[in-house]
Amino acid sequence: GEQLERELVESARRQGTRIIGPNS
């Protein structure tokens, strides 16, 4: 899960999206 979380954040940052969470 930690790697999945990191990949999510990396992907979102590249497209200019900020992530609130996950697990919120």
mmCIF file of all heavy atoms, coordinates in Angstrom:
data_MODEL
# 
_entry.id   MODEL 
# 
loop_
_atom_site.group_PDB 
_atom_site.id 
_atom_site.type_symbol 
_atom_site.label_atom_id 
_atom_site.label_alt_id 
_atom_site.label_comp_id 
_atom_site.label_asym_id 
_atom_site.label_entity_id 
_atom_site.label_seq_id 
_atom_site.pdbx_PDB_ins_code 
_atom_site.Cartn_x 
_atom_site.Cartn_y 
_atom_site.Cartn_z 
_atom_site.occupancy 
_atom_site.B_iso_or_equiv 
_atom_site.pdbx_formal_charge 
_atom_site.auth_seq_id 
_atom_site.auth_comp_id 
_atom_site.auth_asym_id 
_atom_site.auth_atom_id 
_atom_site.pdbx_PDB_model_num 
ATOM 1   N N   . GLY A 1 1  ? 0.795   -1.216 0.000   1.00 0.00 ? 1  GLY A N   1 
ATOM 2   C CA  . GLY A 1 1  ? 0.000   0.000  0.000   1.00 0.00 ? 1  GLY A CA  1 
ATOM 3   C C   . GLY A 1 1  ? 0.827   1.265  0.000   1.00 0.00 ? 1  GLY A C   1 
ATOM 4   O O   . GLY A 1 1  ? 0.442   2.264  -0.605  1.00 0.00 ? 1  GLY A O   1 
ATOM 5   N N   . GLU A 1 2  ? 1.970   1.254  0.675   1.00 0.00 ? 2  GLU A N   1 
ATOM 6   C CA  . GLU A 1 2  ? 2.804   2.450  0.721   1.00 0.00 ? 2  GLU A CA  1 
ATOM 7   C C   . GLU A 1 2  ? 3.297   2.827  -0.668  1.00 0.00 ? 2  GLU A C   1 
ATOM 8   O O   . GLU A 1 2  ? 3.326   4.011  -1.029  1.00 0.00 ? 2  GLU A O   1 
ATOM 9   C CB  . GLU A 1 2  ? 3.976   2.231  1.675   1.00 0.00 ? 2  GLU A CB  1 
ATOM 10  C CG  . GLU A 1 2  ? 3.563   2.154  3.136   1.00 0.00 ? 2  GLU A CG  1 
ATOM 11  C CD  . GLU A 1 2  ? 4.760   2.093  4.062   1.00 0.00 ? 2  GLU A CD  1 
ATOM 12  O OE1 . GLU A 1 2  ? 5.904   2.245  3.567   1.00 0.00 ? 2  GLU A OE1 1 
ATOM 13  O OE2 . GLU A 1 2  ? 4.568   1.879  5.265   1.00 0.00 ? 2  GLU A OE2 1 
ATOM 14  N N   . GLN A 1 3  ? 3.690   1.838  -1.454  1.00 0.00 ? 3  GLN A N   1 
ATOM 15  C CA  . GLN A 1 3  ? 4.125   2.116  -2.813  1.00 0.00 ? 3  GLN A CA  1 
ATOM 16  C C   . GLN A 1 3  ? 2.963   2.632  -3.659  1.00 0.00 ? 3  GLN A C   1 
ATOM 17  O O   . GLN A 1 3  ? 3.114   3.559  -4.461  1.00 0.00 ? 3  GLN A O   1 
ATOM 18  C CB  . GLN A 1 3  ? 4.728   0.849  -3.447  1.00 0.00 ? 3  GLN A CB  1 
ATOM 19  C CG  . GLN A 1 3  ? 5.239   1.034  -4.865  1.00 0.00 ? 3  GLN A CG  1 
ATOM 20  C CD  . GLN A 1 3  ? 6.347   2.075  -4.961  1.00 0.00 ? 3  GLN A CD  1 
ATOM 21  O OE1 . GLN A 1 3  ? 7.093   2.301  -3.998  1.00 0.00 ? 3  GLN A OE1 1 
ATOM 22  N NE2 . GLN A 1 3  ? 6.444   2.731  -6.116  1.00 0.00 ? 3  GLN A NE2 1 
ATOM 23  N N   . LEU A 1 4  ? 1.787   2.036  -3.489  1.00 0.00 ? 4  LEU A N   1 
ATOM 24  C CA  . LEU A 1 4  ? 0.602   2.491  -4.211  1.00 0.00 ? 4  LEU A CA  1 
ATOM 25  C C   . LEU A 1 4  ? 0.284   3.941  -3.854  1.00 0.00 ? 4  LEU A C   1 
ATOM 26  O O   . LEU A 1 4  ? -0.054  4.754  -4.732  1.00 0.00 ? 4  LEU A O   1 
ATOM 27  C CB  . LEU A 1 4  ? -0.581  1.588  -3.859  1.00 0.00 ? 4  LEU A CB  1 
ATOM 28  C CG  . LEU A 1 4  ? -1.912  1.866  -4.568  1.00 0.00 ? 4  LEU A CG  1 
ATOM 29  C CD1 . LEU A 1 4  ? -1.776  1.624  -6.064  1.00 0.00 ? 4  LEU A CD1 1 
ATOM 30  C CD2 . LEU A 1 4  ? -3.016  0.986  -3.979  1.00 0.00 ? 4  LEU A CD2 1 
ATOM 31  N N   . GLU A 1 5  ? 0.395   4.267  -2.577  1.00 0.00 ? 5  GLU A N   1 
ATOM 32  C CA  . GLU A 1 5  ? 0.159   5.632  -2.126  1.00 0.00 ? 5  GLU A CA  1 
ATOM 33  C C   . GLU A 1 5  ? 1.163   6.590  -2.738  1.00 0.00 ? 5  GLU A C   1 
ATOM 34  O O   . GLU A 1 5  ? 0.812   7.677  -3.213  1.00 0.00 ? 5  GLU A O   1 
ATOM 35  C CB  . GLU A 1 5  ? 0.231   5.669  -0.601  1.00 0.00 ? 5  GLU A CB  1 
ATOM 36  C CG  . GLU A 1 5  ? -0.063  7.012  0.022   1.00 0.00 ? 5  GLU A CG  1 
ATOM 37  C CD  . GLU A 1 5  ? -0.029  6.925  1.534   1.00 0.00 ? 5  GLU A CD  1 
ATOM 38  O OE1 . GLU A 1 5  ? 1.063   7.062  2.120   1.00 0.00 ? 5  GLU A OE1 1 
ATOM 39  O OE2 . GLU A 1 5  ? -1.100  6.706  2.131   1.00 0.00 ? 5  GLU A OE2 1 
ATOM 40  N N   . ARG A 1 6  ? 2.428   6.179  -2.771  1.00 0.00 ? 6  ARG A N   1 
ATOM 41  C CA  . ARG A 1 6  ? 3.469   7.031  -3.336  1.00 0.00 ? 6  ARG A CA  1 
ATOM 42  C C   . ARG A 1 6  ? 3.239   7.257  -4.834  1.00 0.00 ? 6  ARG A C   1 
ATOM 43  O O   . ARG A 1 6  ? 3.411   8.368  -5.338  1.00 0.00 ? 6  ARG A O   1 
ATOM 44  C CB  . ARG A 1 6  ? 4.837   6.385  -3.092  1.00 0.00 ? 6  ARG A CB  1 
ATOM 45  C CG  . ARG A 1 6  ? 6.009   7.261  -3.501  1.00 0.00 ? 6  ARG A CG  1 
ATOM 46  C CD  . ARG A 1 6  ? 7.331   6.558  -3.247  1.00 0.00 ? 6  ARG A CD  1 
ATOM 47  N NE  . ARG A 1 6  ? 8.433   7.452  -3.537  1.00 0.00 ? 6  ARG A NE  1 
ATOM 48  C CZ  . ARG A 1 6  ? 8.959   8.311  -2.676  1.00 0.00 ? 6  ARG A CZ  1 
ATOM 49  N NH1 . ARG A 1 6  ? 8.462   8.381  -1.453  1.00 0.00 ? 6  ARG A NH1 1 
ATOM 50  N NH2 . ARG A 1 6  ? 9.953   9.100  -3.015  1.00 0.00 ? 6  ARG A NH2 1 
ATOM 51  N N   . GLU A 1 7  ? 2.852   6.210  -5.533  1.00 0.00 ? 7  GLU A N   1 
ATOM 52  C CA  . GLU A 1 7  ? 2.597   6.344  -6.963  1.00 0.00 ? 7  GLU A CA  1 
ATOM 53  C C   . GLU A 1 7  ? 1.417   7.279  -7.221  1.00 0.00 ? 7  GLU A C   1 
ATOM 54  O O   . GLU A 1 7  ? 1.423   8.052  -8.189  1.00 0.00 ? 7  GLU A O   1 
ATOM 55  C CB  . GLU A 1 7  ? 2.325   4.964  -7.567  1.00 0.00 ? 7  GLU A CB  1 
ATOM 56  C CG  . GLU A 1 7  ? 3.565   4.072  -7.611  1.00 0.00 ? 7  GLU A CG  1 
ATOM 57  C CD  . GLU A 1 7  ? 3.241   2.638  -8.005  1.00 0.00 ? 7  GLU A CD  1 
ATOM 58  O OE1 . GLU A 1 7  ? 2.030   2.331  -8.175  1.00 0.00 ? 7  GLU A OE1 1 
ATOM 59  O OE2 . GLU A 1 7  ? 4.183   1.829  -8.127  1.00 0.00 ? 7  GLU A OE2 1 
ATOM 60  N N   . LEU A 1 8  ? 0.399   7.199  -6.359  1.00 0.00 ? 8  LEU A N   1 
ATOM 61  C CA  . LEU A 1 8  ? -0.736  8.111  -6.487  1.00 0.00 ? 8  LEU A CA  1 
ATOM 62  C C   . LEU A 1 8  ? -0.294  9.561  -6.350  1.00 0.00 ? 8  LEU A C   1 
ATOM 63  O O   . LEU A 1 8  ? -0.646  10.421 -7.174  1.00 0.00 ? 8  LEU A O   1 
ATOM 64  C CB  . LEU A 1 8  ? -1.788  7.778  -5.428  1.00 0.00 ? 8  LEU A CB  1 
ATOM 65  C CG  . LEU A 1 8  ? -2.878  8.834  -5.195  1.00 0.00 ? 8  LEU A CG  1 
ATOM 66  C CD1 . LEU A 1 8  ? -3.713  9.024  -6.449  1.00 0.00 ? 8  LEU A CD1 1 
ATOM 67  C CD2 . LEU A 1 8  ? -3.762  8.455  -4.002  1.00 0.00 ? 8  LEU A CD2 1 
ATOM 68  N N   . VAL A 1 9  ? 0.470   9.850  -5.314  1.00 0.00 ? 9  VAL A N   1 
ATOM 69  C CA  . VAL A 1 9  ? 0.911   11.222 -5.079  1.00 0.00 ? 9  VAL A CA  1 
ATOM 70  C C   . VAL A 1 9  ? 1.808   11.697 -6.210  1.00 0.00 ? 9  VAL A C   1 
ATOM 71  O O   . VAL A 1 9  ? 1.676   12.834 -6.708  1.00 0.00 ? 9  VAL A O   1 
ATOM 72  C CB  . VAL A 1 9  ? 1.627   11.332 -3.721  1.00 0.00 ? 9  VAL A CB  1 
ATOM 73  C CG1 . VAL A 1 9  ? 2.218   12.723 -3.535  1.00 0.00 ? 9  VAL A CG1 1 
ATOM 74  C CG2 . VAL A 1 9  ? 0.666   11.013 -2.580  1.00 0.00 ? 9  VAL A CG2 1 
ATOM 75  N N   . GLU A 1 10 ? 2.720   10.848 -6.660  1.00 0.00 ? 10 GLU A N   1 
ATOM 76  C CA  . GLU A 1 10 ? 3.629   11.226 -7.740  1.00 0.00 ? 10 GLU A CA  1 
ATOM 77  C C   . GLU A 1 10 ? 2.852   11.544 -9.014  1.00 0.00 ? 10 GLU A C   1 
ATOM 78  O O   . GLU A 1 10 ? 3.101   12.550 -9.684  1.00 0.00 ? 10 GLU A O   1 
ATOM 79  C CB  . GLU A 1 10 ? 4.625   10.091 -7.993  1.00 0.00 ? 10 GLU A CB  1 
ATOM 80  C CG  . GLU A 1 10 ? 5.661   10.391 -9.058  1.00 0.00 ? 10 GLU A CG  1 
ATOM 81  C CD  . GLU A 1 10 ? 6.558   11.546 -8.692  1.00 0.00 ? 10 GLU A CD  1 
ATOM 82  O OE1 . GLU A 1 10 ? 7.063   11.574 -7.556  1.00 0.00 ? 10 GLU A OE1 1 
ATOM 83  O OE2 . GLU A 1 10 ? 6.744   12.431 -9.556  1.00 0.00 ? 10 GLU A OE2 1 
ATOM 84  N N   . SER A 1 11 ? 1.900   10.683 -9.344  1.00 0.00 ? 11 SER A N   1 
ATOM 85  C CA  . SER A 1 11 ? 1.088   10.908 -10.537 1.00 0.00 ? 11 SER A CA  1 
ATOM 86  C C   . SER A 1 11 ? 0.282   12.197 -10.423 1.00 0.00 ? 11 SER A C   1 
ATOM 87  O O   . SER A 1 11 ? 0.212   12.995 -11.369 1.00 0.00 ? 11 SER A O   1 
ATOM 88  C CB  . SER A 1 11 ? 0.150   9.714  -10.751 1.00 0.00 ? 11 SER A CB  1 
ATOM 89  O OG  . SER A 1 11 ? -0.769  9.956  -11.782 1.00 0.00 ? 11 SER A OG  1 
ATOM 90  N N   . ALA A 1 12 ? -0.322  12.418 -9.256  1.00 0.00 ? 12 ALA A N   1 
ATOM 91  C CA  . ALA A 1 12 ? -1.141  13.615 -9.065  1.00 0.00 ? 12 ALA A CA  1 
ATOM 92  C C   . ALA A 1 12 ? -0.301  14.884 -9.136  1.00 0.00 ? 12 ALA A C   1 
ATOM 93  O O   . ALA A 1 12 ? -0.714  15.881 -9.743  1.00 0.00 ? 12 ALA A O   1 
ATOM 94  C CB  . ALA A 1 12 ? -1.867  13.525 -7.723  1.00 0.00 ? 12 ALA A CB  1 
ATOM 95  N N   . ARG A 1 13 ? 0.866   14.858 -8.552  1.00 0.00 ? 13 ARG A N   1 
ATOM 96  C CA  . ARG A 1 13 ? 1.713   16.057 -8.565  1.00 0.00 ? 13 ARG A CA  1 
ATOM 97  C C   . ARG A 1 13 ? 2.147   16.414 -9.979  1.00 0.00 ? 13 ARG A C   1 
ATOM 98  O O   . ARG A 1 13 ? 2.237   17.590 -10.330 1.00 0.00 ? 13 ARG A O   1 
ATOM 99  C CB  . ARG A 1 13 ? 2.934   15.847 -7.669  1.00 0.00 ? 13 ARG A CB  1 
ATOM 100 C CG  . ARG A 1 13 ? 2.618   15.933 -6.191  1.00 0.00 ? 13 ARG A CG  1 
ATOM 101 C CD  . ARG A 1 13 ? 3.879   15.961 -5.348  1.00 0.00 ? 13 ARG A CD  1 
ATOM 102 N NE  . ARG A 1 13 ? 3.585   16.130 -3.930  1.00 0.00 ? 13 ARG A NE  1 
ATOM 103 C CZ  . ARG A 1 13 ? 4.499   16.299 -2.992  1.00 0.00 ? 13 ARG A CZ  1 
ATOM 104 N NH1 . ARG A 1 13 ? 5.797   16.289 -3.326  1.00 0.00 ? 13 ARG A NH1 1 
ATOM 105 N NH2 . ARG A 1 13 ? 4.154   16.446 -1.744  1.00 0.00 ? 13 ARG A NH2 1 
ATOM 106 N N   . ARG A 1 14 ? 2.424   15.403 -10.786 1.00 0.00 ? 14 ARG A N   1 
ATOM 107 C CA  . ARG A 1 14 ? 2.846   15.690 -12.164 1.00 0.00 ? 14 ARG A CA  1 
ATOM 108 C C   . ARG A 1 14 ? 1.772   16.427 -12.940 1.00 0.00 ? 14 ARG A C   1 
ATOM 109 O O   . ARG A 1 14 ? 2.075   17.212 -13.834 1.00 0.00 ? 14 ARG A O   1 
ATOM 110 C CB  . ARG A 1 14 ? 3.226   14.392 -12.877 1.00 0.00 ? 14 ARG A CB  1 
ATOM 111 C CG  . ARG A 1 14 ? 4.571   13.812 -12.454 1.00 0.00 ? 14 ARG A CG  1 
ATOM 112 C CD  . ARG A 1 14 ? 5.069   12.788 -13.459 1.00 0.00 ? 14 ARG A CD  1 
ATOM 113 N NE  . ARG A 1 14 ? 4.155   11.664 -13.604 1.00 0.00 ? 14 ARG A NE  1 
ATOM 114 C CZ  . ARG A 1 14 ? 4.251   10.530 -12.919 1.00 0.00 ? 14 ARG A CZ  1 
ATOM 115 N NH1 . ARG A 1 14 ? 5.233   10.376 -12.037 1.00 0.00 ? 14 ARG A NH1 1 
ATOM 116 N NH2 . ARG A 1 14 ? 3.386   9.545  -13.113 1.00 0.00 ? 14 ARG A NH2 1 
ATOM 117 N N   . GLN A 1 15 ? 0.519   16.180 -12.607 1.00 0.00 ? 15 GLN A N   1 
ATOM 118 C CA  . GLN A 1 15 ? -0.552  16.854 -13.332 1.00 0.00 ? 15 GLN A CA  1 
ATOM 119 C C   . GLN A 1 15 ? -1.118  18.049 -12.562 1.00 0.00 ? 15 GLN A C   1 
ATOM 120 O O   . GLN A 1 15 ? -2.136  18.618 -12.956 1.00 0.00 ? 15 GLN A O   1 
ATOM 121 C CB  . GLN A 1 15 ? -1.674  15.868 -13.657 1.00 0.00 ? 15 GLN A CB  1 
ATOM 122 C CG  . GLN A 1 15 ? -2.390  15.301 -12.446 1.00 0.00 ? 15 GLN A CG  1 
ATOM 123 C CD  . GLN A 1 15 ? -3.325  14.162 -12.830 1.00 0.00 ? 15 GLN A CD  1 
ATOM 124 O OE1 . GLN A 1 15 ? -2.915  13.216 -13.511 1.00 0.00 ? 15 GLN A OE1 1 
ATOM 125 N NE2 . GLN A 1 15 ? -4.581  14.267 -12.423 1.00 0.00 ? 15 GLN A NE2 1 
ATOM 126 N N   . GLY A 1 16 ? -0.464  18.419 -11.458 1.00 0.00 ? 16 GLY A N   1 
ATOM 127 C CA  . GLY A 1 16 ? -0.857  19.624 -10.730 1.00 0.00 ? 16 GLY A CA  1 
ATOM 128 C C   . GLY A 1 16 ? -1.994  19.439 -9.755  1.00 0.00 ? 16 GLY A C   1 
ATOM 129 O O   . GLY A 1 16 ? -2.618  20.418 -9.331  1.00 0.00 ? 16 GLY A O   1 
ATOM 130 N N   . THR A 1 17 ? -2.291  18.190 -9.362  1.00 0.00 ? 17 THR A N   1 
ATOM 131 C CA  . THR A 1 17 ? -3.350  17.912 -8.397  1.00 0.00 ? 17 THR A CA  1 
ATOM 132 C C   . THR A 1 17 ? -2.748  17.647 -7.028  1.00 0.00 ? 17 THR A C   1 
ATOM 133 O O   . THR A 1 17 ? -1.786  16.895 -6.904  1.00 0.00 ? 17 THR A O   1 
ATOM 134 C CB  . THR A 1 17 ? -4.168  16.680 -8.829  1.00 0.00 ? 17 THR A CB  1 
ATOM 135 O OG1 . THR A 1 17 ? -4.780  16.940 -10.097 1.00 0.00 ? 17 THR A OG1 1 
ATOM 136 C CG2 . THR A 1 17 ? -5.247  16.344 -7.804  1.00 0.00 ? 17 THR A CG2 1 
ATOM 137 N N   . ARG A 1 18 ? -3.308  18.256 -5.997  1.00 0.00 ? 18 ARG A N   1 
ATOM 138 C CA  . ARG A 1 18 ? -2.880  17.986 -4.631  1.00 0.00 ? 18 ARG A CA  1 
ATOM 139 C C   . ARG A 1 18 ? -3.851  17.003 -3.996  1.00 0.00 ? 18 ARG A C   1 
ATOM 140 O O   . ARG A 1 18 ? -5.066  17.128 -4.117  1.00 0.00 ? 18 ARG A O   1 
ATOM 141 C CB  . ARG A 1 18 ? -2.826  19.269 -3.790  1.00 0.00 ? 18 ARG A CB  1 
ATOM 142 C CG  . ARG A 1 18 ? -1.889  20.346 -4.310  1.00 0.00 ? 18 ARG A CG  1 
ATOM 143 C CD  . ARG A 1 18 ? -0.439  19.863 -4.465  1.00 0.00 ? 18 ARG A CD  1 
ATOM 144 N NE  . ARG A 1 18 ? 0.093   19.239 -3.281  1.00 0.00 ? 18 ARG A NE  1 
ATOM 145 C CZ  . ARG A 1 18 ? 0.618   19.898 -2.241  1.00 0.00 ? 18 ARG A CZ  1 
ATOM 146 N NH1 . ARG A 1 18 ? 0.647   21.220 -2.257  1.00 0.00 ? 18 ARG A NH1 1 
ATOM 147 N NH2 . ARG A 1 18 ? 1.105   19.242 -1.214  1.00 0.00 ? 18 ARG A NH2 1 
ATOM 148 N N   . ILE A 1 19 ? -3.288  16.020 -3.296  1.00 0.00 ? 19 ILE A N   1 
ATOM 149 C CA  . ILE A 1 19 ? -4.073  14.956 -2.672  1.00 0.00 ? 19 ILE A CA  1 
ATOM 150 C C   . ILE A 1 19 ? -4.322  15.281 -1.204  1.00 0.00 ? 19 ILE A C   1 
ATOM 151 O O   . ILE A 1 19 ? -3.380  15.574 -0.448  1.00 0.00 ? 19 ILE A O   1 
ATOM 152 C CB  . ILE A 1 19 ? -3.352  13.597 -2.785  1.00 0.00 ? 19 ILE A CB  1 
ATOM 153 C CG1 . ILE A 1 19 ? -3.150  13.211 -4.253  1.00 0.00 ? 19 ILE A CG1 1 
ATOM 154 C CG2 . ILE A 1 19 ? -4.122  12.511 -2.038  1.00 0.00 ? 19 ILE A CG2 1 
ATOM 155 C CD1 . ILE A 1 19 ? -4.433  12.953 -5.004  1.00 0.00 ? 19 ILE A CD1 1 
ATOM 156 N N   . ILE A 1 20 ? -5.601  15.230 -0.787  1.00 0.00 ? 20 ILE A N   1 
ATOM 157 C CA  . ILE A 1 20 ? -5.968  15.300 0.624   1.00 0.00 ? 20 ILE A CA  1 
ATOM 158 C C   . ILE A 1 20 ? -6.286  13.865 1.048   1.00 0.00 ? 20 ILE A C   1 
ATOM 159 O O   . ILE A 1 20 ? -7.232  13.260 0.561   1.00 0.00 ? 20 ILE A O   1 
ATOM 160 C CB  . ILE A 1 20 ? -7.195  16.188 0.868   1.00 0.00 ? 20 ILE A CB  1 
ATOM 161 C CG1 . ILE A 1 20 ? -7.060  17.532 0.164   1.00 0.00 ? 20 ILE A CG1 1 
ATOM 162 C CG2 . ILE A 1 20 ? -7.429  16.363 2.368   1.00 0.00 ? 20 ILE A CG2 1 
ATOM 163 C CD1 . ILE A 1 20 ? -5.982  18.419 0.701   1.00 0.00 ? 20 ILE A CD1 1 
ATOM 164 N N   . GLY A 1 21 ? -5.514  13.308 1.953   1.00 0.00 ? 21 GLY A N   1 
ATOM 165 C CA  . GLY A 1 21 ? -5.697  11.912 2.350   1.00 0.00 ? 21 GLY A CA  1 
ATOM 166 C C   . GLY A 1 21 ? -4.492  11.098 1.918   1.00 0.00 ? 21 GLY A C   1 
ATOM 167 O O   . GLY A 1 21 ? -3.376  11.620 1.936   1.00 0.00 ? 21 GLY A O   1 
ATOM 168 N N   . PRO A 1 22 ? -4.682  9.833  1.510   1.00 0.00 ? 22 PRO A N   1 
ATOM 169 C CA  . PRO A 1 22 ? -5.949  9.085  1.488   1.00 0.00 ? 22 PRO A CA  1 
ATOM 170 C C   . PRO A 1 22 ? -6.378  8.660  2.896   1.00 0.00 ? 22 PRO A C   1 
ATOM 171 O O   . PRO A 1 22 ? -5.779  9.073  3.870   1.00 0.00 ? 22 PRO A O   1 
ATOM 172 C CB  . PRO A 1 22 ? -5.608  7.878  0.613   1.00 0.00 ? 22 PRO A CB  1 
ATOM 173 C CG  . PRO A 1 22 ? -4.141  7.680  0.791   1.00 0.00 ? 22 PRO A CG  1 
ATOM 174 C CD  . PRO A 1 22 ? -3.556  9.052  0.990   1.00 0.00 ? 22 PRO A CD  1 
ATOM 175 N N   . ASN A 1 23 ? -7.400  7.797  2.924   1.00 0.00 ? 23 ASN A N   1 
ATOM 176 C CA  . ASN A 1 23 ? -7.962  7.320  4.185   1.00 0.00 ? 23 ASN A CA  1 
ATOM 177 C C   . ASN A 1 23 ? -8.497  8.487  5.000   1.00 0.00 ? 23 ASN A C   1 
ATOM 178 O O   . ASN A 1 23 ? -8.166  8.672  6.165   1.00 0.00 ? 23 ASN A O   1 
ATOM 179 C CB  . ASN A 1 23 ? -6.911  6.535  4.980   1.00 0.00 ? 23 ASN A CB  1 
ATOM 180 C CG  . ASN A 1 23 ? -7.531  5.789  6.151   1.00 0.00 ? 23 ASN A CG  1 
ATOM 181 O OD1 . ASN A 1 23 ? -8.713  5.485  6.139   1.00 0.00 ? 23 ASN A OD1 1 
ATOM 182 N ND2 . ASN A 1 23 ? -6.740  5.515  7.163   1.00 0.00 ? 23 ASN A ND2 1 
ATOM 183 N N   . SER A 1 24 ? -9.331  9.282  4.366   1.00 0.00 ? 24 SER A N   1 
ATOM 184 C CA  . SER A 1 24 ? -9.915  10.449 5.011   1.00 0.00 ? 24 SER A CA  1 
ATOM 185 C C   . SER A 1 24 ? -11.419 10.430 4.785   1.00 0.00 ? 24 SER A C   1 
ATOM 186 O O   . SER A 1 24 ? -11.936 9.579  4.065   1.00 0.00 ? 24 SER A O   1 
ATOM 187 C CB  . SER A 1 24 ? -9.295  11.731 4.443   1.00 0.00 ? 24 SER A CB  1 
ATOM 188 O OG  . SER A 1 24 ? -9.570  11.816 3.046   1.00 0.00 ? 24 SER A OG  1 
# 
